[in-house]
Amino acid sequence: MGKRNESNEQLPVAKAEDVAFAADRADADDLEALARSEEADRRAQQYEGT
């Protein structure tokens, strides 16, 4: 396991904003991944209180 953040600092949050998504070329797995990603982003924003 990694070293624990003992100072309770906020860790940086990264999003994969630079990933291109072409809906016309997406298959079912891509669409499922997109939906899961969007839902995870919503949960993260609620957790952060934004």
N, C-alpha and C. Protein backbone atom coordinates (compact mmCIF):
# COMPACT_ATOMS: atom_id res chain seq x y z
N MET A 1 0.83 -1.19 0.00
CA MET A 1 0.00 0.00 0.00
C MET A 1 0.87 1.24 0.00
N GLY A 2 0.28 2.34 -0.46
CA GLY A 2 1.01 3.60 -0.50
C GLY A 2 1.12 4.24 0.87
N LYS A 3 1.93 5.26 0.96
CA LYS A 3 2.12 5.97 2.21
C LYS A 3 0.87 6.79 2.53
N ARG A 4 0.44 6.75 3.75
CA ARG A 4 -0.76 7.45 4.17
C ARG A 4 -0.52 8.96 4.27
N ASN A 5 -1.52 9.73 3.89
CA ASN A 5 -1.45 11.18 3.97
C ASN A 5 -1.75 11.60 5.40
N GLU A 6 -0.73 11.75 6.21
CA GLU A 6 -0.90 11.99 7.64
C GLU A 6 -1.25 13.44 7.97
N SER A 7 -1.06 14.37 7.05
CA SER A 7 -1.34 15.78 7.36
C SER A 7 -2.76 16.18 6.97
N ASN A 8 -3.57 15.23 6.50
CA ASN A 8 -4.96 15.50 6.11
C ASN A 8 -5.08 16.58 5.05
N GLU A 9 -4.07 16.72 4.22
CA GLU A 9 -4.14 17.68 3.11
C GLU A 9 -5.13 17.17 2.08
N GLN A 10 -5.72 18.10 1.35
CA GLN A 10 -6.56 17.69 0.24
C GLN A 10 -5.67 17.23 -0.89
N LEU A 11 -5.94 16.05 -1.39
CA LEU A 11 -5.16 15.53 -2.50
C LEU A 11 -5.69 16.12 -3.81
N PRO A 12 -4.84 16.25 -4.80
CA PRO A 12 -5.31 16.80 -6.08
C PRO A 12 -6.32 15.87 -6.74
N VAL A 13 -7.27 16.45 -7.41
CA VAL A 13 -8.30 15.69 -8.12
C VAL A 13 -8.10 15.93 -9.60
N ALA A 14 -8.03 14.86 -10.35
CA ALA A 14 -7.83 14.99 -11.80
C ALA A 14 -9.01 14.38 -12.54
N LYS A 15 -9.35 15.00 -13.63
CA LYS A 15 -10.37 14.47 -14.52
C LYS A 15 -9.73 14.26 -15.87
N ALA A 16 -10.23 13.32 -16.60
CA ALA A 16 -9.69 13.02 -17.92
C ALA A 16 -10.38 13.90 -18.97
N GLU A 17 -10.23 15.20 -18.81
CA GLU A 17 -10.89 16.14 -19.70
C GLU A 17 -10.30 16.14 -21.11
N ASP A 18 -9.08 15.67 -21.27
CA ASP A 18 -8.44 15.73 -22.57
C ASP A 18 -8.74 14.52 -23.45
N VAL A 19 -9.60 13.63 -23.00
CA VAL A 19 -9.94 12.44 -23.77
C VAL A 19 -11.04 12.78 -24.76
N ALA A 20 -10.79 12.49 -26.01
CA ALA A 20 -11.78 12.75 -27.06
C ALA A 20 -12.79 11.62 -27.09
N PHE A 21 -14.05 11.96 -27.25
CA PHE A 21 -15.10 10.97 -27.34
C PHE A 21 -15.89 11.23 -28.61
N ALA A 22 -15.93 10.26 -29.48
CA ALA A 22 -16.67 10.38 -30.74
C ALA A 22 -17.91 9.50 -30.64
N ALA A 23 -19.07 10.11 -30.40
CA ALA A 23 -20.31 9.36 -30.21
C ALA A 23 -20.64 8.52 -31.44
N ASP A 24 -20.29 9.01 -32.61
CA ASP A 24 -20.62 8.27 -33.83
C ASP A 24 -19.77 7.01 -33.99
N ARG A 25 -18.68 6.91 -33.25
CA ARG A 25 -17.81 5.74 -33.33
C ARG A 25 -17.90 4.87 -32.07
N ALA A 26 -18.74 5.24 -31.12
CA ALA A 26 -18.83 4.54 -29.84
C ALA A 26 -19.63 3.25 -29.97
N ASP A 27 -19.17 2.23 -29.27
CA ASP A 27 -19.94 0.99 -29.19
C ASP A 27 -20.62 0.94 -27.81
N ALA A 28 -21.31 -0.15 -27.55
CA ALA A 28 -22.07 -0.27 -26.29
C ALA A 28 -21.16 -0.14 -25.07
N ASP A 29 -19.96 -0.70 -25.13
CA ASP A 29 -19.03 -0.60 -24.00
C ASP A 29 -18.59 0.84 -23.77
N ASP A 30 -18.37 1.58 -24.86
CA ASP A 30 -17.98 2.99 -24.72
C ASP A 30 -19.10 3.79 -24.09
N LEU A 31 -20.34 3.55 -24.52
CA LEU A 31 -21.48 4.29 -23.96
C LEU A 31 -21.69 3.95 -22.49
N GLU A 32 -21.48 2.68 -22.12
CA GLU A 32 -21.59 2.30 -20.71
C GLU A 32 -20.50 2.97 -19.89
N ALA A 33 -19.29 3.01 -20.42
CA ALA A 33 -18.18 3.66 -19.72
C ALA A 33 -18.45 5.15 -19.54
N LEU A 34 -19.01 5.78 -20.56
CA LEU A 34 -19.34 7.20 -20.47
C LEU A 34 -20.38 7.45 -19.38
N ALA A 35 -21.42 6.64 -19.36
CA ALA A 35 -22.46 6.80 -18.34
C ALA A 35 -21.90 6.58 -16.94
N ARG A 36 -21.05 5.57 -16.77
CA ARG A 36 -20.46 5.30 -15.45
C ARG A 36 -19.54 6.44 -15.03
N SER A 37 -18.81 6.99 -15.98
CA SER A 37 -17.90 8.11 -15.69
C SER A 37 -18.69 9.34 -15.25
N GLU A 38 -19.76 9.63 -15.97
CA GLU A 38 -20.58 10.80 -15.61
C GLU A 38 -21.20 10.64 -14.23
N GLU A 39 -21.67 9.43 -13.92
CA GLU A 39 -22.25 9.17 -12.61
C GLU A 39 -21.18 9.30 -11.51
N ALA A 40 -20.00 8.80 -11.77
CA ALA A 40 -18.91 8.92 -10.79
C ALA A 40 -18.55 10.39 -10.57
N ASP A 41 -18.54 11.19 -11.63
CA ASP A 41 -18.27 12.62 -11.48
C ASP A 41 -19.33 13.29 -10.63
N ARG A 42 -20.61 12.91 -10.84
CA ARG A 42 -21.70 13.49 -10.03
C ARG A 42 -21.53 13.14 -8.56
N ARG A 43 -21.20 11.87 -8.29
CA ARG A 43 -21.00 11.46 -6.89
C ARG A 43 -19.82 12.20 -6.26
N ALA A 44 -18.75 12.36 -7.03
CA ALA A 44 -17.57 13.05 -6.50
C ALA A 44 -17.90 14.51 -6.19
N GLN A 45 -18.69 15.16 -7.04
CA GLN A 45 -19.05 16.55 -6.79
C GLN A 45 -19.94 16.66 -5.56
N GLN A 46 -20.85 15.72 -5.36
CA GLN A 46 -21.70 15.74 -4.17
C GLN A 46 -20.85 15.55 -2.92
N TYR A 47 -19.88 14.66 -3.00
CA TYR A 47 -19.00 14.38 -1.87
C TYR A 47 -18.18 15.62 -1.51
N GLU A 48 -17.73 16.34 -2.54
CA GLU A 48 -16.92 17.53 -2.32
C GLU A 48 -17.77 18.72 -1.88
N GLY A 49 -19.09 18.57 -2.01
CA GLY A 49 -19.98 19.66 -1.61
C GLY A 49 -20.05 20.78 -2.62
N THR A 50 -19.77 20.49 -3.88
CA THR A 50 -19.85 21.53 -4.91
C THR A 50 -21.10 21.38 -5.73
